[in-house]
PDB file of N, CA and C in Angstrom:
ATOM      1  N   MET A   1     110.967 112.719 112.594  1.00  0.00           N
ATOM      2  CA  MET A   1     110.309 111.431 112.480  1.00  0.00           C
ATOM      3  C   MET A   1     108.909 111.627 111.886  1.00  0.00           C
ATOM      4  N   SER A   2     108.439 110.643 111.161  1.00  0.00           N
ATOM      5  CA  SER A   2     107.143 110.701 110.513  1.00  0.00           C
ATOM      6  C   SER A   2     106.374 109.417 110.837  1.00  0.00           C
ATOM      7  N   TYR A   3     105.092 109.437 110.602  1.00  0.00           N
ATOM      8  CA  TYR A   3     104.270 108.258 110.863  1.00  0.00           C
ATOM      9  C   TYR A   3     104.421 107.190 109.786  1.00  0.00           C
ATOM     10  N   PHE A   4     105.161 107.491 108.711  1.00  0.00           N
ATOM     11  CA  PHE A   4     105.380 106.487 107.673  1.00  0.00           C
ATOM     12  C   PHE A   4     106.765 106.663 107.070  1.00  0.00           C
ATOM     13  N   ARG A   5     107.242 105.602 106.437  1.00  0.00           N
ATOM     14  CA  ARG A   5     108.455 105.670 105.626  1.00  0.00           C
ATOM     15  C   ARG A   5     108.385 104.536 104.619  1.00  0.00           C
ATOM     16  N   TRP A   6     109.127 104.686 103.544  1.00  0.00           N
ATOM     17  CA  TRP A   6     109.196 103.650 102.520  1.00  0.00           C
ATOM     18  C   TRP A   6     110.448 102.827 102.737  1.00  0.00           C
ATOM     19  N   ASP A   7     110.324 101.520 102.580  1.00  0.00           N
ATOM     20  CA  ASP A   7     111.443 100.581 102.616  1.00  0.00           C
ATOM     21  C   ASP A   7     111.350  99.778 101.320  1.00  0.00           C
ATOM     22  N   GLY A   8     111.937 100.304 100.255  1.00  0.00           N
ATOM     23  CA  GLY A   8     111.773  99.683  98.939  1.00  0.00           C
ATOM     24  C   GLY A   8     110.326  99.809  98.498  1.00  0.00           C
ATOM     25  N   GLU A   9     109.691  98.682  98.216  1.00  0.00           N
ATOM     26  CA  GLU A   9     108.275  98.653  97.801  1.00  0.00           C
ATOM     27  C   GLU A   9     107.322  98.696  98.994  1.00  0.00           C
ATOM     28  N   ASP A  10     107.845  98.529 100.206  1.00  0.00           N
ATOM     29  CA  ASP A  10     107.002  98.408 101.399  1.00  0.00           C
ATOM     30  C   ASP A  10     106.801  99.746 102.098  1.00  0.00           C
ATOM     31  N   LEU A  11     105.598  99.941 102.615  1.00  0.00           N
ATOM     32  CA  LEU A  11     105.269 101.111 103.409  1.00  0.00           C
ATOM     33  C   LEU A  11     105.306 100.700 104.874  1.00  0.00           C
ATOM     34  N   ILE A  12     106.073 101.415 105.681  1.00  0.00           N
ATOM     35  CA  ILE A  12     106.158 101.152 107.119  1.00  0.00           C
ATOM     36  C   ILE A  12     105.341 102.232 107.819  1.00  0.00           C
ATOM     37  N   LEU A  13     104.390 101.817 108.647  1.00  0.00           N
ATOM     38  CA  LEU A  13     103.535 102.752 109.382  1.00  0.00           C
ATOM     39  C   LEU A  13     103.785 102.642 110.876  1.00  0.00           C
ATOM     40  N   ASP A  14     103.903 103.779 111.540  1.00  0.00           N
ATOM     41  CA  ASP A  14     103.929 103.838 112.998  1.00  0.00           C
ATOM     42  C   ASP A  14     102.554 104.323 113.427  1.00  0.00           C
ATOM     43  N   CYS A  15     101.843 103.493 114.195  1.00  0.00           N
ATOM     44  CA  CYS A  15     100.448 103.765 114.534  1.00  0.00           C
ATOM     45  C   CYS A  15     100.209 103.788 116.034  1.00  0.00           C
ATOM     46  N   HIS A  16      99.170 104.506 116.402  1.00  0.00           N
ATOM     47  CA  HIS A  16      98.611 104.468 117.754  1.00  0.00           C
ATOM     48  C   HIS A  16      97.212 103.899 117.597  1.00  0.00           C
ATOM     49  N   LEU A  17      96.956 102.770 118.228  1.00  0.00           N
ATOM     50  CA  LEU A  17      95.681 102.075 118.077  1.00  0.00           C
ATOM     51  C   LEU A  17      94.746 102.384 119.234  1.00  0.00           C
ATOM     52  N   GLN A  18      93.488 102.690 118.904  1.00  0.00           N
ATOM     53  CA  GLN A  18      92.450 102.864 119.909  1.00  0.00           C
ATOM     54  C   GLN A  18      91.402 101.776 119.697  1.00  0.00           C
ATOM     55  N   PRO A  19      91.462 100.688 120.487  1.00  0.00           N
ATOM     56  CA  PRO A  19      90.472  99.617 120.346  1.00  0.00           C
ATOM     57  C   PRO A  19      89.133 100.009 120.983  1.00  0.00           C
ATOM     58  N   LYS A  20      88.111  99.214 120.701  1.00  0.00           N
ATOM     59  CA  LYS A  20      86.757  99.398 121.246  1.00  0.00           C
ATOM     60  C   LYS A  20      86.173 100.767 120.902  1.00  0.00           C
ATOM     61  N   ALA A  21      86.461 101.263 119.712  1.00  0.00           N
ATOM     62  CA  ALA A  21      85.906 102.542 119.260  1.00  0.00           C
ATOM     63  C   ALA A  21      84.516 102.299 118.668  1.00  0.00           C
ATOM     64  N   SER A  22      83.817 103.372 118.362  1.00  0.00           N
ATOM     65  CA  SER A  22      82.473 103.224 117.804  1.00  0.00           C
ATOM     66  C   SER A  22      82.491 102.831 116.330  1.00  0.00           C
ATOM     67  N   LYS A  23      83.616 103.133 115.631  1.00  0.00           N
ATOM     68  CA  LYS A  23      83.732 102.721 114.229  1.00  0.00           C
ATOM     69  C   LYS A  23      85.208 102.594 113.859  1.00  0.00           C
ATOM     70  N   ASP A  24      85.461 101.895 112.764  1.00  0.00           N
ATOM     71  CA  ASP A  24      86.815 101.734 112.242  1.00  0.00           C
ATOM     72  C   ASP A  24      87.149 102.952 111.391  1.00  0.00           C
ATOM     73  N   GLU A  25      88.285 103.628 111.721  1.00  0.00           N
ATOM     74  CA  GLU A  25      88.652 104.810 110.946  1.00  0.00           C
ATOM     75  C   GLU A  25      90.080 105.259 111.235  1.00  0.00           C
ATOM     76  N   PHE A  26      90.649 105.951 110.260  1.00  0.00           N
ATOM     77  CA  PHE A  26      91.873 106.702 110.492  1.00  0.00           C
ATOM     78  C   PHE A  26      91.439 107.965 111.216  1.00  0.00           C
ATOM     79  N   ALA A  27      92.170 108.356 112.266  1.00  0.00           N
ATOM     80  CA  ALA A  27      91.726 109.479 113.091  1.00  0.00           C
ATOM     81  C   ALA A  27      92.806 110.539 113.270  1.00  0.00           C
ATOM     82  N   GLY A  28      93.547 110.837 112.218  1.00  0.00           N
ATOM     83  CA  GLY A  28      94.561 111.884 112.295  1.00  0.00           C
ATOM     84  C   GLY A  28      95.844 111.390 112.934  1.00  0.00           C
ATOM     85  N   LEU A  29      96.526 112.300 113.604  1.00  0.00           N
ATOM     86  CA  LEU A  29      97.797 111.958 114.235  1.00  0.00           C
ATOM     87  C   LEU A  29      97.657 111.970 115.748  1.00  0.00           C
ATOM     88  N   HIS A  30      98.448 111.110 116.385  1.00  0.00           N
ATOM     89  CA  HIS A  30      98.596 111.071 117.837  1.00  0.00           C
ATOM     90  C   HIS A  30     100.088 111.217 118.075  1.00  0.00           C
ATOM     91  N   GLY A  31     100.532 112.439 118.341  1.00  0.00           N
ATOM     92  CA  GLY A  31     101.966 112.706 118.381  1.00  0.00           C
ATOM     93  C   GLY A  31     102.525 112.537 116.970  1.00  0.00           C
ATOM     94  N   GLU A  32     103.500 111.663 116.828  1.00  0.00           N
ATOM     95  CA  GLU A  32     104.082 111.393 115.506  1.00  0.00           C
ATOM     96  C   GLU A  32     103.640 110.049 114.957  1.00  0.00           C
ATOM     97  N   ARG A  33     102.497 109.573 115.403  1.00  0.00           N
ATOM     98  CA  ARG A  33     101.950 108.299 114.938  1.00  0.00           C
ATOM     99  C   ARG A  33     100.580 108.512 114.313  1.00  0.00           C
ATOM    100  N   LEU A  34     100.254 107.660 113.361  1.00  0.00           N
ATOM    101  CA  LEU A  34      98.938 107.674 112.736  1.00  0.00           C
ATOM    102  C   LEU A  34      97.955 107.025 113.705  1.00  0.00           C
ATOM    103  N   LYS A  35      96.911 107.747 114.084  1.00  0.00           N
ATOM    104  CA  LYS A  35      95.923 107.193 115.011  1.00  0.00           C
ATOM    105  C   LYS A  35      94.869 106.426 114.227  1.00  0.00           C
ATOM    106  N   ILE A  36      94.602 105.192 114.678  1.00  0.00           N
ATOM    107  CA  ILE A  36      93.597 104.343 114.050  1.00  0.00           C
ATOM    108  C   ILE A  36      92.636 103.873 115.133  1.00  0.00           C
ATOM    109  N   ARG A  37      91.363 104.104 114.900  1.00  0.00           N
ATOM    110  CA  ARG A  37      90.320 103.627 115.815  1.00  0.00           C
ATOM    111  C   ARG A  37      89.709 102.367 115.221  1.00  0.00           C
ATOM    112  N   LEU A  38      89.534 101.356 116.083  1.00  0.00           N
ATOM    113  CA  LEU A  38      88.932 100.087 115.652  1.00  0.00           C
ATOM    114  C   LEU A  38      87.856  99.652 116.623  1.00  0.00           C
ATOM    115  N   THR A  39      86.846  98.974 116.104  1.00  0.00           N
ATOM    116  CA  THR A  39      85.749  98.496 116.939  1.00  0.00           C
ATOM    117  C   THR A  39      86.123  97.250 117.740  1.00  0.00           C
ATOM    118  N   ALA A  40      87.144  96.533 117.338  1.00  0.00           N
ATOM    119  CA  ALA A  40      87.521  95.271 117.989  1.00  0.00           C
ATOM    120  C   ALA A  40      88.086  95.522 119.395  1.00  0.00           C
ATOM    121  N   PRO A  41      87.813  94.597 120.325  1.00  0.00           N
ATOM    122  CA  PRO A  41      88.364  94.721 121.677  1.00  0.00           C
ATOM    123  C   PRO A  41      89.825  94.265 121.718  1.00  0.00           C
ATOM    124  N   PRO A  42      90.593  94.766 122.693  1.00  0.00           N
ATOM    125  CA  PRO A  42      91.999  94.393 122.798  1.00  0.00           C
ATOM    126  C   PRO A  42      92.214  93.091 123.581  1.00  0.00           C
ATOM    127  N   VAL A  43      91.549  92.034 123.177  1.00  0.00           N
ATOM    128  CA  VAL A  43      91.694  90.747 123.873  1.00  0.00           C
ATOM    129  C   VAL A  43      92.007  89.640 122.869  1.00  0.00           C
ATOM    130  N   GLU A  44      92.877  88.740 123.271  1.00  0.00           N
ATOM    131  CA  GLU A  44      93.204  87.545 122.484  1.00  0.00           C
ATOM    132  C   GLU A  44      93.572  87.856 121.033  1.00  0.00           C
ATOM    133  N   GLY A  45      94.235  88.983 120.793  1.00  0.00           N
ATOM    134  CA  GLY A  45      94.691  89.318 119.453  1.00  0.00           C
ATOM    135  C   GLY A  45      93.614  89.809 118.496  1.00  0.00           C
ATOM    136  N   LYS A  46      92.396  90.014 118.993  1.00  0.00           N
ATOM    137  CA  LYS A  46      91.303  90.433 118.109  1.00  0.00           C
ATOM    138  C   LYS A  46      91.559  91.808 117.490  1.00  0.00           C
ATOM    139  N   ALA A  47      92.053  92.753 118.281  1.00  0.00           N
ATOM    140  CA  ALA A  47      92.311  94.092 117.740  1.00  0.00           C
ATOM    141  C   ALA A  47      93.425  94.045 116.695  1.00  0.00           C
ATOM    142  N   ASN A  48      94.459  93.257 116.945  1.00  0.00           N
ATOM    143  CA  ASN A  48      95.548  93.154 115.968  1.00  0.00           C
ATOM    144  C   ASN A  48      95.065  92.533 114.661  1.00  0.00           C
ATOM    145  N   ALA A  49      94.291  91.474 114.744  1.00  0.00           N
ATOM    146  CA  ALA A  49      93.770  90.827 113.532  1.00  0.00           C
ATOM    147  C   ALA A  49      92.860  91.792 112.764  1.00  0.00           C
ATOM    148  N   HIS A  50      92.042  92.514 113.495  1.00  0.00           N
ATOM    149  CA  HIS A  50      91.137  93.488 112.877  1.00  0.00           C
ATOM    150  C   HIS A  50      91.931  94.618 112.222  1.00  0.00           C
ATOM    151  N   LEU A  51      93.002  95.049 112.880  1.00  0.00           N
ATOM    152  CA  LEU A  51      93.859  96.099 112.329  1.00  0.00           C
ATOM    153  C   LEU A  51      94.476  95.663 111.002  1.00  0.00           C
ATOM    154  N   LEU A  52      94.989  94.446 110.933  1.00  0.00           N
ATOM    155  CA  LEU A  52      95.594  93.955 109.697  1.00  0.00           C
ATOM    156  C   LEU A  52      94.570  93.915 108.563  1.00  0.00           C
ATOM    157  N   ALA A  53      93.355  93.468 108.866  1.00  0.00           N
ATOM    158  CA  ALA A  53      92.293  93.413 107.851  1.00  0.00           C
ATOM    159  C   ALA A  53      91.884  94.826 107.415  1.00  0.00           C
ATOM    160  N   PHE A  54      91.773  95.741 108.361  1.00  0.00           N
ATOM    161  CA  PHE A  54      91.410  97.135 108.061  1.00  0.00           C
ATOM    162  C   PHE A  54      92.443  97.780 107.138  1.00  0.00           C
ATOM    163  N   LEU A  55      93.722  97.601 107.452  1.00  0.00           N
ATOM    164  CA  LEU A  55      94.777  98.195 106.634  1.00  0.00           C
ATOM    165  C   LEU A  55      94.862  97.538 105.262  1.00  0.00           C
ATOM    166  N   ALA A  56      94.667  96.229 105.205  1.00  0.00           N
ATOM    167  CA  ALA A  56      94.694  95.537 103.908  1.00  0.00           C
ATOM    168  C   ALA A  56      93.629  96.117 102.980  1.00  0.00           C
ATOM    169  N   LYS A  57      92.439  96.317 103.503  1.00  0.00           N
ATOM    170  CA  LYS A  57      91.358  96.881 102.691  1.00  0.00           C
ATOM    171  C   LYS A  57      91.673  98.324 102.286  1.00  0.00           C
ATOM    172  N   ALA A  58      92.175  99.123 103.231  1.00  0.00           N
ATOM    173  CA  ALA A  58      92.462 100.536 102.955  1.00  0.00           C
ATOM    174  C   ALA A  58      93.546 100.720 101.900  1.00  0.00           C
ATOM    175  N   PHE A  59      94.535  99.814 101.886  1.00  0.00           N
ATOM    176  CA  PHE A  59      95.664  99.954 100.969  1.00  0.00           C
ATOM    177  C   PHE A  59      95.562  99.028  99.757  1.00  0.00           C
ATOM    178  N   GLY A  60      94.455  98.293  99.641  1.00  0.00           N
ATOM    179  CA  GLY A  60      94.201  97.485  98.457  1.00  0.00           C
ATOM    180  C   GLY A  60      95.110  96.278  98.297  1.00  0.00           C
ATOM    181  N   VAL A  61      95.441  95.636  99.419  1.00  0.00           N
ATOM    182  CA  VAL A  61      96.299  94.453  99.364  1.00  0.00           C
ATOM    183  C   VAL A  61      95.626  93.294 100.105  1.00  0.00           C
ATOM    184  N   ALA A  62      96.173  92.104  99.927  1.00  0.00           N
ATOM    185  CA  ALA A  62      95.690  90.939 100.676  1.00  0.00           C
ATOM    186  C   ALA A  62      96.152  91.044 102.131  1.00  0.00           C
ATOM    187  N   LYS A  63      95.402  90.427 103.034  1.00  0.00           N
ATOM    188  CA  LYS A  63      95.770  90.455 104.450  1.00  0.00           C
ATOM    189  C   LYS A  63      97.184  89.930 104.691  1.00  0.00           C
ATOM    190  N   ALA A  64      97.601  88.975 103.880  1.00  0.00           N
ATOM    191  CA  ALA A  64      98.941  88.395 104.034  1.00  0.00           C
ATOM    192  C   ALA A  64     100.046  89.401 103.716  1.00  0.00           C
ATOM    193  N   GLN A  65      99.713  90.501 103.054  1.00  0.00           N
ATOM    194  CA  GLN A  65     100.709  91.514 102.702  1.00  0.00           C
ATOM    195  C   GLN A  65     100.860  92.593 103.773  1.00  0.00           C
ATOM    196  N   VAL A  66     100.124  92.461 104.881  1.00  0.00           N
ATOM    197  CA  VAL A  66     100.223  93.398 105.997  1.00  0.00           C
ATOM    198  C   VAL A  66     100.745  92.618 107.198  1.00  0.00           C
ATOM    199  N   SER A  67     101.828  93.099 107.789  1.00  0.00           N
ATOM    200  CA  SER A  67     102.394  92.389 108.943  1.00  0.00           C
ATOM    201  C   SER A  67     102.682  93.357 110.080  1.00  0.00           C
ATOM    202  N   LEU A  68     102.549  92.835 111.285  1.00  0.00           N
ATOM    203  CA  LEU A  68     102.834  93.590 112.498  1.00  0.00           C
ATOM    204  C   LEU A  68     104.304  93.371 112.833  1.00  0.00           C
ATOM    205  N   GLU A  69     105.086  94.430 112.782  1.00  0.00           N
ATOM    206  CA  GLU A  69     106.524  94.315 113.041  1.00  0.00           C
ATOM    207  C   GLU A  69     106.855  94.468 114.520  1.00  0.00           C
ATOM    208  N   SER A  70     106.107  95.322 115.216  1.00  0.00           N
ATOM    209  CA  SER A  70     106.326  95.484 116.654  1.00  0.00           C
ATOM    210  C   SER A  70     105.067  96.042 117.293  1.00  0.00           C
ATOM    211  N   GLY A  71     104.946  95.825 118.615  1.00  0.00           N
ATOM    212  CA  GLY A  71     103.823  96.364 119.365  1.00  0.00           C
ATOM    213  C   GLY A  71     102.651  95.428 119.518  1.00  0.00           C
ATOM    214  N   GLU A  72     102.903  94.125 119.478  1.00  0.00           N
ATOM    215  CA  GLU A  72     101.804  93.159 119.555  1.00  0.00           C
ATOM    216  C   GLU A  72     100.921  93.371 120.774  1.00  0.00           C
ATOM    217  N   LEU A  73     101.525  93.708 121.914  1.00  0.00           N
ATOM    218  CA  LEU A  73     100.756  93.891 123.150  1.00  0.00           C
ATOM    219  C   LEU A  73     100.717  95.350 123.595  1.00  0.00           C
ATOM    220  N   ASN A  74     100.834  96.263 122.654  1.00  0.00           N
ATOM    221  CA  ASN A  74     100.934  97.674 122.959  1.00  0.00           C
ATOM    222  C   ASN A  74     100.037  98.461 122.011  1.00  0.00           C
ATOM    223  N   ARG A  75      99.623  99.640 122.416  1.00  0.00           N
ATOM    224  CA  ARG A  75      98.844 100.502 121.506  1.00  0.00           C
ATOM    225  C   ARG A  75      99.712 101.089 120.404  1.00  0.00           C
ATOM    226  N   HIS A  76     101.007 101.238 120.670  1.00  0.00           N
ATOM    227  CA  HIS A  76     101.935 101.750 119.655  1.00  0.00           C
ATOM    228  C   HIS A  76     102.437 100.580 118.830  1.00  0.00           C
ATOM    229  N   LYS A  77     102.196 100.644 117.529  1.00  0.00           N
ATOM    230  CA  LYS A  77     102.510  99.522 116.643  1.00  0.00           C
ATOM    231  C   LYS A  77     103.279 100.005 115.417  1.00  0.00           C
ATOM    232  N   ARG A  78     104.122  99.133 114.918  1.00  0.00           N
ATOM    233  CA  ARG A  78     104.797  99.373 113.636  1.00  0.00           C
ATOM    234  C   ARG A  78     104.341  98.266 112.696  1.00  0.00           C
ATOM    235  N   LEU A  79     103.840  98.686 111.530  1.00  0.00           N
ATOM    236  CA  LEU A  79     103.300  97.743 110.559  1.00  0.00           C
ATOM    237  C   LEU A  79     103.998  97.903 109.215  1.00  0.00           C
ATOM    238  N   ARG A  80     104.054  96.813 108.480  1.00  0.00           N
ATOM    239  CA  ARG A  80     104.636  96.798 107.133  1.00  0.00           C
ATOM    240  C   ARG A  80     103.540  96.393 106.151  1.00  0.00           C
ATOM    241  N   ILE A  81     103.361  97.217 105.125  1.00  0.00           N
ATOM    242  CA  ILE A  81     102.402  96.920 104.061  1.00  0.00           C
ATOM    243  C   ILE A  81     103.213  96.698 102.795  1.00  0.00           C
ATOM    244  N   HIS A  82     103.207  95.470 102.317  1.00  0.00           N
ATOM    245  CA  HIS A  82     104.007  95.123 101.146  1.00  0.00           C
ATOM    246  C   HIS A  82     103.319  95.608  99.864  1.00  0.00           C
ATOM    247  N   ALA A  83     104.022  96.466  99.130  1.00  0.00           N
ATOM    248  CA  ALA A  83     103.587  96.965  97.817  1.00  0.00           C
ATOM    249  C   ALA A  83     102.119  97.401  97.800  1.00  0.00           C
ATOM    250  N   PRO A  84     101.771  98.452  98.577  1.00  0.00           N
ATOM    251  CA  PRO A  84     100.373  98.904  98.581  1.00  0.00           C
ATOM    252  C   PRO A  84      99.910  99.281  97.175  1.00  0.00           C
ATOM    253  N   GLN A  85      98.676  98.888  96.854  1.00  0.00           N
ATOM    254  CA  GLN A  85      98.106  99.162  95.538  1.00  0.00           C
ATOM    255  C   GLN A  85      97.478 100.542  95.458  1.00  0.00           C
ATOM    256  N   ARG A  86      97.090 101.084  96.609  1.00  0.00           N
ATOM    257  CA  ARG A  86      96.544 102.444  96.652  1.00  0.00           C
ATOM    258  C   ARG A  86      96.918 103.065  97.997  1.00  0.00           C
ATOM    259  N   LEU A  87      96.922 104.379  98.011  1.00  0.00           N
ATOM    260  CA  LEU A  87      97.215 105.130  99.233  1.00  0.00           C
ATOM    261  C   LEU A  87      95.957 105.892  99.606  1.00  0.00           C
ATOM    262  N   PRO A  88      95.384 105.609 100.785  1.00  0.00           N
ATOM    263  CA  PRO A  88      94.129 106.264 101.149  1.00  0.00           C
ATOM    264  C   PRO A  88      94.284 107.779 101.250  1.00  0.00           C
ATOM    265  N   THR A  89      93.233 108.476 100.908  1.00  0.00           N
ATOM    266  CA  THR A  89      93.192 109.928 101.048  1.00  0.00           C
ATOM    267  C   THR A  89      92.606 110.229 102.416  1.00  0.00           C
ATOM    268  N   LEU A  90      93.407 110.892 103.235  1.00  0.00           N
ATOM    269  CA  LEU A  90      92.982 111.190 104.594  1.00  0.00           C
ATOM    270  C   LEU A  90      93.075 112.689 104.818  1.00  0.00           C
ATOM    271  N   PRO A  91      92.039 113.330 105.344  1.00  0.00           N
ATOM    272  CA  PRO A  91      92.086 114.774 105.579  1.00  0.00           C
ATOM    273  C   PRO A  91      93.282 115.154 106.453  1.00  0.00           C
ATOM    274  N   GLY A  92      94.117 116.041 105.954  1.00  0.00           N
ATOM    275  CA  GLY A  92      95.256 116.520 106.729  1.00  0.00           C
ATOM    276  C   GLY A  92      96.454 115.594 106.753  1.00  0.00           C
ATOM    277  N   LEU A  93      96.350 114.421 106.131  1.00  0.00           N
ATOM    278  CA  LEU A  93      97.456 113.466 106.132  1.00  0.00           C
ATOM    279  C   LEU A  93      97.813 113.110 104.704  1.00  0.00           C
ATOM    280  N   ILE A  94      99.074 112.795 104.505  1.00  0.00           N
ATOM    281  CA  ILE A  94      99.503 112.389 103.168  1.00  0.00           C
ATOM    282  C   ILE A  94     100.386 111.159 103.248  1.00  0.00           C
ATOM    283  N   PHE A  95     100.350 110.377 102.215  1.00  0.00           N
ATOM    284  CA  PHE A  95     101.247 109.254 102.007  1.00  0.00           C
ATOM    285  C   PHE A  95     101.925 109.480 100.660  1.00  0.00           C
ATOM    286  N   PRO A  96     102.936 110.370 100.598  1.00  0.00           N
ATOM    287  CA  PRO A  96     103.561 110.588  99.301  1.00  0.00           C
ATOM    288  C   PRO A  96     104.202 109.319  98.775  1.00  0.00           C
ATOM    289  N   GLY A  97     104.218 109.188  97.474  1.00  0.00           N
ATOM    290  CA  GLY A  97     104.829 108.021  96.851  1.00  0.00           C
ATOM    291  C   GLY A  97     106.292 107.911  97.209  1.00  0.00           C
ATOM    292  N   LYS A  98     106.819 106.719  97.000  1.00  0.00           N
ATOM    293  CA  LYS A  98     108.212 106.456  97.364  1.00  0.00           C
ATOM    294  C   LYS A  98     109.194 107.151  96.480  1.00  0.00           C
TER     295      LYS A  98
END
């Protein structure tokens, strides 16, 4: 298992979210999931909304092109990024093309 897979043009990410962090960042792997730290608190959907905006910016797409597929109330989340325009360069991590 990997923290990402391609589904046609879409990138599917399995993530572990750490809310209320000191800054927004990709933070390596947490088991077989991509760890993402966010400054937003985990209340009233704020962390999820912030996560979608963070990923949209990182992958060069509109917020509407990033969707939460599972894990709305959990730290473990599966996200779909429709046709990412760029793949972020992360130390020790890769997003090979489809």
